[in-house]
Amino acid sequence: MAKTPLRAKKKRRPATLGPEKTAQIFAALAEDRPAPETELNYHNPYTLVVAVALSAQATDVGVNKATEKLFSIADTPQKMLALGEAGVADHIKTIGLWRNKAKNVVALSQMLIDEFGGEVPQTRDELVRLPGVGRKTANVVLNEAFGHETIAVDTHIFRVSNRTGLAPGKTPDEVEDQLERVTPPEFKKGAHHWLILHGRYTCVARKPKCWDCVIADLCRFRDKTPDPAKKTSSLGPKGP
């Protein structure tokens, strides 16, 4: 008699905070930063694509310094192609991986002209076809430029989601899936910015500023960092 094949066990998602606490977290982050937006400077959807692509393994501050002059002379795919790979490279040499990024900027500009009439497409499947544009970049562009309810999981969002228990996951894709599932509809459009800014300025990697955190009482992180201003010296008061 043939054996009945065993069913594969369904992979269980890590436990989240639950709907009530999740809503409270987003409400607190929204009150703390009512109008969140990207810190990358851009002129239009095209320059946003370029800026986000350049921001891989680089800071927003560094990218903004490099693109200030670049975007003043090349804010369309046509102008970027006219500038050429060497011209682009000259402007972004202060950014990590600048050689490869210059190639990608020229290549994605060419593809936009050849396949999309010079316009930035508004679907993830089309965006990720562009050289140097992955899922994270596509999600940022869709959210920031076109108002889609997408969440791009970078190192900051990955850390905040796991540390707080909001959307635990072992990979960025798992965290993104969790966030898409648990984020209340009214907070989905701003969720990306609230989480990334919270991770960048409050829930930082080494020593999170728990004493200055608006969601500290809702967060699962056990080793809360004490307020350094309230630490007292074990040596006692200094003498005159």
Protein backbone atom coordinates (compact mmCIF):
# COMPACT_ATOMS: atom_id res chain seq x y z
CA MET A 1 0.00 0.00 0.00
CA ALA A 2 1.42 3.37 -1.03
CA LYS A 3 2.22 5.71 1.80
CA THR A 4 0.35 8.98 2.00
CA PRO A 5 2.88 11.78 1.51
CA LEU A 6 3.40 13.90 4.59
CA ARG A 7 2.19 17.45 4.34
CA ALA A 8 4.84 20.08 4.71
CA LYS A 9 4.46 22.00 7.91
CA LYS A 10 3.28 25.53 7.38
CA LYS A 11 5.95 28.01 8.39
CA ARG A 12 4.75 29.95 11.42
CA ARG A 13 5.24 33.70 11.51
CA PRO A 14 6.98 35.14 14.58
CA ALA A 15 4.56 36.59 17.10
CA THR A 16 3.84 40.29 16.71
CA LEU A 17 2.57 42.81 19.26
CA GLY A 18 -1.06 42.46 18.30
CA PRO A 19 -3.45 44.93 16.65
CA GLU A 20 -3.96 47.21 19.65
CA LYS A 21 -0.30 47.81 20.50
CA THR A 22 0.64 48.05 16.83
CA ALA A 23 -1.94 50.79 16.29
CA GLN A 24 -0.71 52.59 19.41
CA ILE A 25 2.88 52.49 18.14
CA PHE A 26 2.02 53.99 14.77
CA ALA A 27 -0.23 56.58 16.39
CA ALA A 28 2.63 57.65 18.66
CA LEU A 29 5.14 57.79 15.79
CA ALA A 30 2.66 59.77 13.69
CA GLU A 31 2.13 62.29 16.49
CA ASP A 32 5.89 62.59 16.96
CA ARG A 33 6.48 63.25 13.23
CA PRO A 34 3.21 64.43 11.67
CA ALA A 35 4.64 65.05 8.19
CA PRO A 36 7.37 62.49 7.54
CA GLU A 37 9.25 62.55 4.24
CA THR A 38 12.46 61.29 2.71
CA GLU A 39 15.66 63.13 3.57
CA LEU A 40 17.00 62.62 0.06
CA ASN A 41 16.80 65.74 -2.10
CA TYR A 42 15.16 65.28 -5.49
CA HIS A 43 13.38 67.35 -8.16
CA ASN A 44 11.03 64.81 -9.76
CA PRO A 45 10.37 61.04 -9.86
CA TYR A 46 13.38 60.51 -12.12
CA THR A 47 15.87 62.21 -9.80
CA LEU A 48 14.31 60.33 -6.87
CA VAL A 49 15.04 57.01 -8.61
CA VAL A 50 18.64 58.10 -9.15
CA ALA A 51 19.04 59.41 -5.59
CA VAL A 52 17.67 56.24 -3.99
CA ALA A 53 19.82 54.05 -6.24
CA LEU A 54 22.88 56.08 -5.22
CA SER A 55 22.01 55.81 -1.52
CA ALA A 56 22.88 52.10 -1.29
CA GLN A 57 25.74 51.82 1.23
CA ALA A 58 25.83 55.60 1.52
CA THR A 59 24.22 58.21 3.76
CA ASP A 60 21.47 60.54 2.62
CA VAL A 61 23.68 63.49 3.57
CA GLY A 62 26.48 62.19 1.37
CA VAL A 63 24.14 61.55 -1.54
CA ASN A 64 22.61 65.02 -1.25
CA LYS A 65 26.04 66.64 -1.41
CA ALA A 66 26.91 64.66 -4.54
CA THR A 67 23.60 65.21 -6.34
CA GLU A 68 23.19 68.91 -5.63
CA LYS A 69 25.18 69.93 -8.70
CA LEU A 70 24.40 66.76 -10.68
CA PHE A 71 20.63 67.33 -10.56
CA SER A 72 21.03 71.02 -11.36
CA ILE A 73 22.40 70.06 -14.78
CA ALA A 74 20.83 66.63 -15.34
CA ASP A 75 17.30 66.20 -14.00
CA THR A 76 15.94 64.09 -16.89
CA PRO A 77 17.11 60.83 -18.48
CA GLN A 78 17.98 62.70 -21.67
CA LYS A 79 20.22 65.20 -19.86
CA MET A 80 21.89 62.41 -17.86
CA LEU A 81 22.71 60.52 -21.05
CA ALA A 82 24.17 63.68 -22.55
CA LEU A 83 26.37 64.02 -19.48
CA GLY A 84 27.64 60.48 -20.00
CA GLU A 85 29.08 57.91 -17.64
CA ALA A 86 32.31 59.83 -17.07
CA GLY A 87 30.39 63.01 -16.34
CA VAL A 88 28.12 61.26 -13.86
CA ALA A 89 31.11 59.61 -12.21
CA ASP A 90 32.82 62.98 -11.71
CA HIS A 91 29.87 64.15 -9.61
CA ILE A 92 29.45 61.04 -7.42
CA LYS A 93 33.06 60.08 -6.61
CA THR A 94 32.46 60.84 -2.94
CA ILE A 95 29.85 58.04 -2.77
CA GLY A 96 30.74 54.40 -2.22
CA LEU A 97 30.72 52.13 -5.29
CA TRP A 98 30.60 55.22 -7.51
CA ARG A 99 31.95 53.52 -10.63
CA ASN A 100 29.24 50.87 -10.73
CA LYS A 101 26.58 53.39 -9.72
CA ALA A 102 27.56 55.73 -12.56
CA LYS A 103 27.12 52.85 -15.02
CA ASN A 104 23.71 52.02 -13.56
CA VAL A 105 22.52 55.63 -13.66
CA VAL A 106 23.35 55.90 -17.36
CA ALA A 107 21.90 52.45 -18.11
CA LEU A 108 18.63 53.09 -16.26
CA SER A 109 18.31 56.44 -18.01
CA GLN A 110 18.69 54.72 -21.37
CA MET A 111 16.06 52.11 -20.47
CA LEU A 112 13.62 54.77 -19.32
CA ILE A 113 13.93 56.46 -22.72
CA ASP A 114 13.85 53.25 -24.77
CA GLU A 115 11.03 51.45 -22.96
CA PHE A 116 9.07 53.99 -20.94
CA GLY A 117 9.08 57.17 -22.99
CA GLY A 118 11.43 58.86 -20.54
CA GLU A 119 8.92 58.54 -17.69
CA VAL A 120 9.38 56.65 -14.44
CA PRO A 121 7.01 53.65 -14.36
CA GLN A 122 4.57 53.29 -11.49
CA THR A 123 4.67 49.53 -10.86
CA ARG A 124 7.21 47.57 -8.85
CA ASP A 125 7.67 44.94 -11.56
CA GLU A 126 8.67 47.61 -14.06
CA LEU A 127 10.86 49.57 -11.67
CA VAL A 128 12.97 46.58 -10.62
CA ARG A 129 13.88 46.01 -14.27
CA LEU A 130 15.90 49.21 -14.20
CA PRO A 131 19.66 48.70 -13.64
CA GLY A 132 20.60 49.35 -10.01
CA VAL A 133 16.98 49.34 -8.83
CA GLY A 134 15.95 46.58 -6.44
CA ARG A 135 12.78 45.97 -4.49
CA LYS A 136 13.74 48.40 -1.72
CA THR A 137 14.45 51.23 -4.15
CA ALA A 138 11.25 50.51 -6.06
CA ASN A 139 9.19 50.62 -2.86
CA VAL A 140 10.72 53.96 -1.83
CA VAL A 141 9.95 55.49 -5.24
CA LEU A 142 6.39 54.15 -5.28
CA ASN A 143 5.75 55.49 -1.79
CA GLU A 144 7.48 58.87 -2.01
CA ALA A 145 6.83 59.85 -5.65
CA PHE A 146 3.47 58.23 -6.31
CA GLY A 147 1.85 57.83 -2.89
CA HIS A 148 1.62 54.03 -2.92
CA GLU A 149 1.30 52.25 0.40
CA THR A 150 4.64 50.45 0.15
CA ILE A 151 7.27 49.83 2.82
CA ALA A 152 10.95 49.58 1.92
CA VAL A 153 12.84 47.63 4.57
CA ASP A 154 16.34 48.99 5.06
CA THR A 155 18.69 48.38 8.00
CA HIS A 156 16.85 50.94 10.17
CA ILE A 157 13.38 49.51 9.58
CA PHE A 158 14.70 45.94 9.94
CA ARG A 159 16.21 46.84 13.33
CA VAL A 160 13.18 48.73 14.64
CA SER A 161 10.73 46.06 13.50
CA ASN A 162 12.68 43.27 15.23
CA ARG A 163 13.79 45.16 18.32
CA THR A 164 10.32 46.44 19.16
CA GLY A 165 8.51 43.23 18.20
CA LEU A 166 6.38 45.19 15.74
CA ALA A 167 7.20 42.94 12.76
CA PRO A 168 9.86 40.35 13.57
CA GLY A 169 11.61 38.55 10.72
CA LYS A 170 14.95 37.01 9.79
CA THR A 171 15.17 38.70 6.41
CA PRO A 172 14.06 42.07 4.99
CA ASP A 173 11.42 40.28 2.90
CA GLU A 174 9.99 38.60 5.99
CA VAL A 175 9.85 41.92 7.83
CA GLU A 176 8.22 43.59 4.84
CA ASP A 177 5.61 40.83 4.70
CA GLN A 178 4.89 41.24 8.41
CA LEU A 179 4.62 45.02 8.16
CA GLU A 180 2.26 44.79 5.20
CA ARG A 181 0.09 42.43 7.25
CA VAL A 182 0.03 44.21 10.62
CA THR A 183 0.16 47.93 9.75
CA PRO A 184 -3.30 49.51 10.09
CA PRO A 185 -4.60 50.93 6.77
CA GLU A 186 -4.64 54.51 8.02
CA PHE A 187 -0.89 54.35 8.74
CA LYS A 188 0.36 52.44 5.70
CA LYS A 189 1.30 55.43 3.58
CA GLY A 190 3.53 56.97 6.25
CA ALA A 191 4.77 53.77 7.87
CA HIS A 192 7.99 53.63 5.86
CA HIS A 193 9.07 57.13 6.84
CA TRP A 194 8.04 56.86 10.49
CA LEU A 195 10.00 53.65 10.99
CA ILE A 196 13.13 54.71 9.12
CA LEU A 197 13.33 58.08 10.88
CA HIS A 198 12.72 56.45 14.25
CA GLY A 199 15.55 54.01 13.56
CA ARG A 200 17.86 56.71 12.27
CA TYR A 201 17.48 59.14 15.17
CA THR A 202 16.05 57.30 18.20
CA CYS A 203 16.22 53.51 17.94
CA VAL A 204 19.84 53.63 16.79
CA ALA A 205 21.97 50.54 16.40
CA ARG A 206 24.44 50.58 19.28
CA LYS A 207 22.71 52.43 22.09
CA PRO A 208 19.04 53.16 21.41
CA LYS A 209 17.81 56.37 23.00
CA CYS A 210 15.10 54.60 24.99
CA TRP A 211 14.81 57.50 27.45
CA ASP A 212 13.71 59.74 24.58
CA CYS A 213 11.50 57.23 22.78
CA VAL A 214 7.77 57.82 22.31
CA ILE A 215 7.06 54.07 22.07
CA ALA A 216 9.37 52.83 24.85
CA ASP A 217 6.45 51.63 26.95
CA LEU A 218 5.08 49.57 24.03
CA CYS A 219 8.41 48.13 22.88
CA ARG A 220 9.50 44.54 23.65
CA PHE A 221 13.19 45.43 23.84
CA ARG A 222 14.31 44.31 27.29
CA ASP A 223 17.64 46.08 27.70
CA LYS A 224 16.30 49.61 27.69
CA THR A 225 19.08 52.19 27.64
CA PRO A 226 18.95 54.47 30.70
CA ASP A 227 19.08 58.22 30.38
CA PRO A 228 22.78 59.17 30.58
CA ALA A 229 21.84 62.53 32.08
CA LYS A 230 20.46 60.75 35.15
CA LYS A 231 23.55 58.62 35.80
CA THR A 232 25.39 59.52 38.99
CA SER A 233 29.06 58.96 39.52
CA SER A 234 30.00 56.12 41.89
CA LEU A 235 32.96 58.20 43.03
CA GLY A 236 30.75 60.76 44.69
CA PRO A 237 30.92 64.55 44.28
CA LYS A 238 34.19 66.10 43.22
CA GLY A 239 36.07 68.23 45.64
CA PRO A 240 36.88 71.91 45.16
